[in-house]
Amino acid sequence: MQDDIYRFGNGVRVHRHHVLDHQVNRYVKANAGNLHEPVEEHWFLTLLGEIPAADPLVYDIGCGIGYYTLLLLHERPGAEAVAFEPLSEHVAAIRENLALNGIAPDRVRLIEAAAHVAEGDVCFEAADFSSHVADEGGLRVAAHDIAALIAAEARPVDLAKLDVQGAELALLRRIVEAGQAERVRRWIVGTHGDDLFAECCALMGQHWQVVHSDPAPAHQPDGLIVAVRH
């Protein structure tokens, strides 16, 4: 049924039951183009537009139901999309939304695991779209060392979008300490809390050029840092 589909202002479509009522209310009330995160999306498209290659390598780390991966492939059909998502219900949603948008499943390298600081498994707390790594309890999910994955790529990552609900600083530190900072050329990082925002800004400023930072962007719930390689 037509009513079972939610259409964003940028042409991306998702199944309506994959978005929460309070999210839809935010999209409508924001009067900002009916977008999921209008400020972050602006920077995502801006950085994507700076990449000359027809097949940019783009990491969507913590992709949820796949919104940014869908947007990426809507804008750049030739992109090499790598999406990280450990929750089986979100993985199923990604596959359903790819089909809804007419995107073949083999267009996305879907990593059904959490991006982490080491290989193994971790506790994971599922909480709608703010699911996160937990110290104990919750689910046990597979985890992959983000620095090792970046190191194993045949070419640098052109753009990485990071939204991991509080683990952002740990992952950025892991990448830096493993000597892989130069292999990620552009970052869009969602931050969760003032302290993490400040610490991520400080770390990223040492290894990338921070071109935009805002602890509370309009019409979206998370802080935002945008950085490019020096």
C-alpha atoms as a PDB file:
ATOM      1  CA  MET A   1       0.000   0.000   0.000  1.00  0.00           C
ATOM      2  CA  GLN A   2       1.139   3.548  -0.717  1.00  0.00           C
ATOM      3  CA  ASP A   3       0.582   4.572   2.926  1.00  0.00           C
ATOM      4  CA  ASP A   4       3.135   1.974   4.040  1.00  0.00           C
ATOM      5  CA  ILE A   5       5.959   3.954   2.413  1.00  0.00           C
ATOM      6  CA  TYR A   6       7.587   7.083   3.817  1.00  0.00           C
ATOM      7  CA  ARG A   7       9.002   9.439   1.203  1.00  0.00           C
ATOM      8  CA  PHE A   8      11.722  11.891   2.166  1.00  0.00           C
ATOM      9  CA  GLY A   9      12.151  15.181   0.344  1.00  0.00           C
ATOM     10  CA  ASN A  10      15.347  13.952  -1.347  1.00  0.00           C
ATOM     11  CA  GLY A  11      13.666  11.006  -3.079  1.00  0.00           C
ATOM     12  CA  VAL A  12      14.759   8.334  -0.592  1.00  0.00           C
ATOM     13  CA  ARG A  13      11.957   5.959   0.405  1.00  0.00           C
ATOM     14  CA  VAL A  14      11.696   3.658   3.401  1.00  0.00           C
ATOM     15  CA  HIS A  15       8.994   1.428   4.769  1.00  0.00           C
ATOM     16  CA  ARG A  16       6.884   3.494   7.174  1.00  0.00           C
ATOM     17  CA  HIS A  17       7.206   0.979  10.016  1.00  0.00           C
ATOM     18  CA  HIS A  18      10.988   1.485   9.951  1.00  0.00           C
ATOM     19  CA  VAL A  19      10.689   5.084  11.201  1.00  0.00           C
ATOM     20  CA  LEU A  20       9.343   6.120  14.587  1.00  0.00           C
ATOM     21  CA  ASP A  21       6.415   8.476  15.025  1.00  0.00           C
ATOM     22  CA  HIS A  22       8.514  11.031  16.894  1.00  0.00           C
ATOM     23  CA  GLN A  23      11.033  11.007  14.017  1.00  0.00           C
ATOM     24  CA  VAL A  24       8.305  11.715  11.466  1.00  0.00           C
ATOM     25  CA  ASN A  25       6.974  14.510  13.673  1.00  0.00           C
ATOM     26  CA  ARG A  26      10.466  16.036  13.717  1.00  0.00           C
ATOM     27  CA  TYR A  27      10.804  15.799   9.943  1.00  0.00           C
ATOM     28  CA  VAL A  28       7.475  17.566   9.394  1.00  0.00           C
ATOM     29  CA  LYS A  29       7.787  20.226  12.103  1.00  0.00           C
ATOM     30  CA  ALA A  30      11.345  21.144  11.136  1.00  0.00           C
ATOM     31  CA  ASN A  31      10.146  22.718   7.875  1.00  0.00           C
ATOM     32  CA  ALA A  32      13.586  21.827   6.501  1.00  0.00           C
ATOM     33  CA  GLY A  33      12.799  19.786   3.426  1.00  0.00           C
ATOM     34  CA  ASN A  34      11.423  16.649   5.102  1.00  0.00           C
ATOM     35  CA  LEU A  35      14.903  15.220   5.686  1.00  0.00           C
ATOM     36  CA  HIS A  36      16.203  12.908   8.386  1.00  0.00           C
ATOM     37  CA  GLU A  37      19.045  15.201   9.508  1.00  0.00           C
ATOM     38  CA  PRO A  38      19.122  18.318   7.314  1.00  0.00           C
ATOM     39  CA  VAL A  39      22.440  19.777   8.501  1.00  0.00           C
ATOM     40  CA  GLU A  40      24.285  16.465   8.443  1.00  0.00           C
ATOM     41  CA  GLU A  41      22.798  15.603   5.078  1.00  0.00           C
ATOM     42  CA  HIS A  42      23.970  18.939   3.654  1.00  0.00           C
ATOM     43  CA  TRP A  43      27.533  18.131   4.660  1.00  0.00           C
ATOM     44  CA  PHE A  44      27.258  14.526   3.504  1.00  0.00           C
ATOM     45  CA  LEU A  45      26.266  15.666   0.023  1.00  0.00           C
ATOM     46  CA  THR A  46      28.809  18.496   0.030  1.00  0.00           C
ATOM     47  CA  LEU A  47      31.701  16.164   0.818  1.00  0.00           C
ATOM     48  CA  LEU A  48      30.405  13.548  -1.589  1.00  0.00           C
ATOM     49  CA  GLY A  49      30.334  16.189  -4.309  1.00  0.00           C
ATOM     50  CA  GLU A  50      34.021  16.942  -3.719  1.00  0.00           C
ATOM     51  CA  ILE A  51      35.023  13.382  -4.618  1.00  0.00           C
ATOM     52  CA  PRO A  52      35.852  13.205  -8.339  1.00  0.00           C
ATOM     53  CA  ALA A  53      35.777   9.416  -8.644  1.00  0.00           C
ATOM     54  CA  ALA A  54      32.600   7.845 -10.000  1.00  0.00           C
ATOM     55  CA  ASP A  55      33.020   4.975  -7.534  1.00  0.00           C
ATOM     56  CA  PRO A  56      33.876   6.572  -4.161  1.00  0.00           C
ATOM     57  CA  LEU A  57      34.491   4.200  -1.261  1.00  0.00           C
ATOM     58  CA  VAL A  58      32.069   5.254   1.476  1.00  0.00           C
ATOM     59  CA  TYR A  59      31.705   3.780   4.972  1.00  0.00           C
ATOM     60  CA  ASP A  60      28.338   4.096   6.744  1.00  0.00           C
ATOM     61  CA  ILE A  61      29.304   3.098  10.295  1.00  0.00           C
ATOM     62  CA  GLY A  62      26.193   2.517  12.370  1.00  0.00           C
ATOM     63  CA  CYS A  63      23.781   2.652   9.463  1.00  0.00           C
ATOM     64  CA  GLY A  64      20.494   1.739  11.196  1.00  0.00           C
ATOM     65  CA  ILE A  65      17.849   1.191   8.539  1.00  0.00           C
ATOM     66  CA  GLY A  66      20.251   2.403   5.850  1.00  0.00           C
ATOM     67  CA  TYR A  67      19.163   6.015   5.251  1.00  0.00           C
ATOM     68  CA  TYR A  68      22.603   7.387   4.351  1.00  0.00           C
ATOM     69  CA  THR A  69      23.514   4.334   2.307  1.00  0.00           C
ATOM     70  CA  LEU A  70      20.286   4.779   0.354  1.00  0.00           C
ATOM     71  CA  LEU A  71      21.035   8.472  -0.103  1.00  0.00           C
ATOM     72  CA  LEU A  72      24.575   7.672  -1.239  1.00  0.00           C
ATOM     73  CA  LEU A  73      23.436   5.239  -3.908  1.00  0.00           C
ATOM     74  CA  HIS A  74      20.618   7.554  -4.950  1.00  0.00           C
ATOM     75  CA  GLU A  75      23.166  10.311  -5.597  1.00  0.00           C
ATOM     76  CA  ARG A  76      26.152   8.230  -6.717  1.00  0.00           C
ATOM     77  CA  PRO A  77      24.940   4.902  -8.156  1.00  0.00           C
ATOM     78  CA  GLY A  78      28.508   3.771  -8.844  1.00  0.00           C
ATOM     79  CA  ALA A  79      29.713   4.191  -5.255  1.00  0.00           C
ATOM     80  CA  GLU A  80      31.260   1.349  -3.299  1.00  0.00           C
ATOM     81  CA  ALA A  81      29.041   1.378  -0.220  1.00  0.00           C
ATOM     82  CA  VAL A  82      30.120  -0.345   2.992  1.00  0.00           C
ATOM     83  CA  ALA A  83      27.448  -0.431   5.702  1.00  0.00           C
ATOM     84  CA  PHE A  84      27.995  -1.563   9.302  1.00  0.00           C
ATOM     85  CA  GLU A  85      24.989  -2.769  11.303  1.00  0.00           C
ATOM     86  CA  PRO A  86      24.984  -5.461  14.016  1.00  0.00           C
ATOM     87  CA  LEU A  87      21.244  -5.761  14.727  1.00  0.00           C
ATOM     88  CA  SER A  88      19.404  -8.366  12.681  1.00  0.00           C
ATOM     89  CA  GLU A  89      16.173  -6.343  12.565  1.00  0.00           C
ATOM     90  CA  HIS A  90      18.016  -3.361  11.117  1.00  0.00           C
ATOM     91  CA  VAL A  91      19.858  -5.582   8.637  1.00  0.00           C
ATOM     92  CA  ALA A  92      16.479  -6.874   7.471  1.00  0.00           C
ATOM     93  CA  ALA A  93      15.219  -3.285   7.186  1.00  0.00           C
ATOM     94  CA  ILE A  94      18.243  -2.275   5.103  1.00  0.00           C
ATOM     95  CA  ARG A  95      17.573  -5.097   2.657  1.00  0.00           C
ATOM     96  CA  GLU A  96      13.879  -4.214   2.433  1.00  0.00           C
ATOM     97  CA  ASN A  97      14.657  -0.543   1.849  1.00  0.00           C
ATOM     98  CA  LEU A  98      17.254  -1.316  -0.802  1.00  0.00           C
ATOM     99  CA  ALA A  99      14.614  -3.302  -2.688  1.00  0.00           C
ATOM    100  CA  LEU A 100      12.060  -0.516  -2.226  1.00  0.00           C
ATOM    101  CA  ASN A 101      14.482   1.973  -3.807  1.00  0.00           C
ATOM    102  CA  GLY A 102      15.334  -0.351  -6.692  1.00  0.00           C
ATOM    103  CA  ILE A 103      18.904  -0.951  -5.524  1.00  0.00           C
ATOM    104  CA  ALA A 104      20.346  -4.423  -6.011  1.00  0.00           C
ATOM    105  CA  PRO A 105      21.557  -5.986  -2.735  1.00  0.00           C
ATOM    106  CA  ASP A 106      25.021  -6.618  -4.156  1.00  0.00           C
ATOM    107  CA  ARG A 107      25.499  -2.824  -4.445  1.00  0.00           C
ATOM    108  CA  VAL A 108      26.189  -2.723  -0.688  1.00  0.00           C
ATOM    109  CA  ARG A 109      28.887  -4.512   1.240  1.00  0.00           C
ATOM    110  CA  LEU A 110      26.802  -5.135   4.331  1.00  0.00           C
ATOM    111  CA  ILE A 111      28.898  -5.932   7.406  1.00  0.00           C
ATOM    112  CA  GLU A 112      26.578  -7.507   9.972  1.00  0.00           C
ATOM    113  CA  ALA A 113      28.706  -6.551  12.963  1.00  0.00           C
ATOM    114  CA  ALA A 114      29.533  -3.648  15.219  1.00  0.00           C
ATOM    115  CA  ALA A 115      32.503  -1.468  14.345  1.00  0.00           C
ATOM    116  CA  HIS A 116      34.771  -1.819  17.360  1.00  0.00           C
ATOM    117  CA  VAL A 117      38.318  -1.393  18.654  1.00  0.00           C
ATOM    118  CA  ALA A 118      39.083  -5.132  18.393  1.00  0.00           C
ATOM    119  CA  GLU A 119      37.885  -8.343  16.786  1.00  0.00           C
ATOM    120  CA  GLY A 120      35.488 -10.582  18.687  1.00  0.00           C
ATOM    121  CA  ASP A 121      32.060  -9.881  20.082  1.00  0.00           C
ATOM    122  CA  VAL A 122      30.549  -7.242  22.355  1.00  0.00           C
ATOM    123  CA  CYS A 123      27.485  -6.602  24.458  1.00  0.00           C
ATOM    124  CA  PHE A 124      24.997  -4.504  22.557  1.00  0.00           C
ATOM    125  CA  GLU A 125      21.895  -2.763  23.850  1.00  0.00           C
ATOM    126  CA  ALA A 126      19.075  -2.446  21.345  1.00  0.00           C
ATOM    127  CA  ALA A 127      17.089   0.778  21.820  1.00  0.00           C
ATOM    128  CA  ASP A 128      15.174   1.688  18.674  1.00  0.00           C
ATOM    129  CA  PHE A 129      17.645   3.804  16.685  1.00  0.00           C
ATOM    130  CA  SER A 130      19.981   4.656  19.538  1.00  0.00           C
ATOM    131  CA  SER A 131      21.356   1.126  19.928  1.00  0.00           C
ATOM    132  CA  HIS A 132      24.879   1.024  21.298  1.00  0.00           C
ATOM    133  CA  VAL A 133      27.724  -1.048  22.677  1.00  0.00           C
ATOM    134  CA  ALA A 134      27.143  -1.738  26.384  1.00  0.00           C
ATOM    135  CA  ASP A 135      29.418  -2.742  29.242  1.00  0.00           C
ATOM    136  CA  GLU A 136      27.250  -5.717  30.119  1.00  0.00           C
ATOM    137  CA  GLY A 137      23.875  -7.293  29.466  1.00  0.00           C
ATOM    138  CA  GLY A 138      21.900  -6.980  26.254  1.00  0.00           C
ATOM    139  CA  LEU A 139      22.749  -8.972  23.151  1.00  0.00           C
ATOM    140  CA  ARG A 140      26.078 -10.442  22.130  1.00  0.00           C
ATOM    141  CA  VAL A 141      26.930  -9.322  18.620  1.00  0.00           C
ATOM    142  CA  ALA A 142      29.906  -9.816  16.332  1.00  0.00           C
ATOM    143  CA  ALA A 143      32.458  -6.996  16.319  1.00  0.00           C
ATOM    144  CA  HIS A 144      35.189  -6.088  13.853  1.00  0.00           C
ATOM    145  CA  ASP A 145      38.269  -3.952  14.380  1.00  0.00           C
ATOM    146  CA  ILE A 146      37.527  -0.782  12.421  1.00  0.00           C
ATOM    147  CA  ALA A 147      41.226   0.044  11.959  1.00  0.00           C
ATOM    148  CA  ALA A 148      41.980  -3.419  10.574  1.00  0.00           C
ATOM    149  CA  LEU A 149      39.123  -3.130   8.088  1.00  0.00           C
ATOM    150  CA  ILE A 150      40.346   0.253   6.881  1.00  0.00           C
ATOM    151  CA  ALA A 151      43.898  -1.076   6.585  1.00  0.00           C
ATOM    152  CA  ALA A 152      42.670  -4.021   4.500  1.00  0.00           C
ATOM    153  CA  GLU A 153      40.948  -1.842   1.901  1.00  0.00           C
ATOM    154  CA  ALA A 154      42.680  -1.697  -1.464  1.00  0.00           C
ATOM    155  CA  ARG A 155      42.311   2.098  -1.450  1.00  0.00           C
ATOM    156  CA  PRO A 156      41.624   4.864   1.079  1.00  0.00           C
ATOM    157  CA  VAL A 157      38.103   5.491   2.332  1.00  0.00           C
ATOM    158  CA  ASP A 158      36.837   8.593   0.534  1.00  0.00           C
ATOM    159  CA  LEU A 159      34.124   9.378   3.083  1.00  0.00           C
ATOM    160  CA  ALA A 160      33.105   7.847   6.402  1.00  0.00           C
ATOM    161  CA  LYS A 161      29.894   8.629   8.242  1.00  0.00           C
ATOM    162  CA  LEU A 162      30.152   7.634  11.917  1.00  0.00           C
ATOM    163  CA  ASP A 163      27.087   7.371  14.171  1.00  0.00           C
ATOM    164  CA  VAL A 164      27.723   4.862  16.940  1.00  0.00           C
ATOM    165  CA  GLN A 165      25.839   6.303  19.916  1.00  0.00           C
ATOM    166  CA  GLY A 166      28.692   7.093  22.256  1.00  0.00           C
ATOM    167  CA  ALA A 167      31.514   4.910  20.892  1.00  0.00           C
ATOM    168  CA  GLU A 168      32.720   7.536  18.417  1.00  0.00           C
ATOM    169  CA  LEU A 169      35.765   8.681  20.398  1.00  0.00           C
ATOM    170  CA  ALA A 170      36.967   5.116  21.024  1.00  0.00           C
ATOM    171  CA  LEU A 171      36.757   4.253  17.313  1.00  0.00           C
ATOM    172  CA  LEU A 172      38.508   7.440  16.225  1.00  0.00           C
ATOM    173  CA  ARG A 173      41.285   6.824  18.749  1.00  0.00           C
ATOM    174  CA  ARG A 174      41.679   3.257  17.513  1.00  0.00           C
ATOM    175  CA  ILE A 175      42.045   4.441  13.911  1.00  0.00           C
ATOM    176  CA  VAL A 176      44.605   7.073  14.882  1.00  0.00           C
ATOM    177  CA  GLU A 177      46.622   4.808  17.173  1.00  0.00           C
ATOM    178  CA  ALA A 178      46.714   2.087  14.506  1.00  0.00           C
ATOM    179  CA  GLY A 179      48.253   4.547  12.042  1.00  0.00           C
ATOM    180  CA  GLN A 180      45.219   4.570   9.737  1.00  0.00           C
ATOM    181  CA  ALA A 181      44.173   8.227   9.998  1.00  0.00           C
ATOM    182  CA  GLU A 182      45.588   9.088   6.571  1.00  0.00           C
ATOM    183  CA  ARG A 183      43.423   6.369   4.976  1.00  0.00           C
ATOM    184  CA  VAL A 184      40.154   8.143   5.775  1.00  0.00           C
ATOM    185  CA  ARG A 185      39.948  11.307   3.729  1.00  0.00           C
ATOM    186  CA  ARG A 186      36.648  12.768   4.925  1.00  0.00           C
ATOM    187  CA  TRP A 187      34.566  12.333   8.083  1.00  0.00           C
ATOM    188  CA  ILE A 188      31.048  13.107   9.209  1.00  0.00           C
ATOM    189  CA  VAL A 189      30.782  12.226  12.904  1.00  0.00           C
ATOM    190  CA  GLY A 190      27.661  12.277  15.046  1.00  0.00           C
ATOM    191  CA  THR A 191      28.504  12.948  18.695  1.00  0.00           C
ATOM    192  CA  HIS A 192      26.524  12.085  21.793  1.00  0.00           C
ATOM    193  CA  GLY A 193      27.071  14.473  24.683  1.00  0.00           C
ATOM    194  CA  ASP A 194      29.083  17.626  25.235  1.00  0.00           C
ATOM    195  CA  ASP A 195      32.187  15.882  26.582  1.00  0.00           C
ATOM    196  CA  LEU A 196      32.410  13.502  23.636  1.00  0.00           C
ATOM    197  CA  PHE A 197      31.852  16.365  21.230  1.00  0.00           C
ATOM    198  CA  ALA A 198      34.757  18.331  22.713  1.00  0.00           C
ATOM    199  CA  GLU A 199      37.108  15.337  22.872  1.00  0.00           C
ATOM    200  CA  CYS A 200      36.313  14.239  19.325  1.00  0.00           C
ATOM    201  CA  CYS A 201      36.879  17.791  18.062  1.00  0.00           C
ATOM    202  CA  ALA A 202      40.263  17.919  19.781  1.00  0.00           C
ATOM    203  CA  LEU A 203      41.386  14.541  18.449  1.00  0.00           C
ATOM    204  CA  MET A 204      40.166  15.121  14.928  1.00  0.00           C
ATOM    205  CA  GLY A 205      41.762  18.558  14.819  1.00  0.00           C
ATOM    206  CA  GLN A 206      45.152  16.898  15.277  1.00  0.00           C
ATOM    207  CA  HIS A 207      44.788  14.566  12.297  1.00  0.00           C
ATOM    208  CA  TRP A 208      42.184  16.130  10.001  1.00  0.00           C
ATOM    209  CA  GLN A 209      41.005  19.644   9.282  1.00  0.00           C
ATOM    210  CA  VAL A 210      37.716  20.279  11.071  1.00  0.00           C
ATOM    211  CA  VAL A 211      35.592  22.289   8.631  1.00  0.00           C
ATOM    212  CA  HIS A 212      32.365  22.317  10.631  1.00  0.00           C
ATOM    213  CA  SER A 213      31.480  21.562  14.239  1.00  0.00           C
ATOM    214  CA  ASP A 214      28.227  22.079  16.098  1.00  0.00           C
ATOM    215  CA  PRO A 215      27.230  20.409  19.374  1.00  0.00           C
ATOM    216  CA  ALA A 216      23.526  20.947  18.666  1.00  0.00           C
ATOM    217  CA  PRO A 217      22.626  21.294  14.957  1.00  0.00           C
ATOM    218  CA  ALA A 218      19.115  22.450  14.174  1.00  0.00           C
ATOM    219  CA  HIS A 219      16.457  19.790  13.601  1.00  0.00           C
ATOM    220  CA  GLN A 220      18.566  16.798  14.606  1.00  0.00           C
ATOM    221  CA  PRO A 221      19.379  15.091  17.894  1.00  0.00           C
ATOM    222  CA  ASP A 222      23.175  14.642  17.783  1.00  0.00           C
ATOM    223  CA  GLY A 223      26.244  16.866  17.677  1.00  0.00           C
ATOM    224  CA  LEU A 224      28.089  17.034  14.380  1.00  0.00           C
ATOM    225  CA  ILE A 225      31.744  17.221  13.327  1.00  0.00           C
ATOM    226  CA  VAL A 226      32.849  17.406   9.704  1.00  0.00           C
ATOM    227  CA  ALA A 227      36.534  16.957   8.903  1.00  0.00           C
ATOM    228  CA  VAL A 228      38.802  16.396   5.918  1.00  0.00           C
ATOM    229  CA  ARG A 229      42.341  15.091   5.640  1.00  0.00           C
ATOM    230  CA  HIS A 230      45.044  17.786   5.746  1.00  0.00           C
END
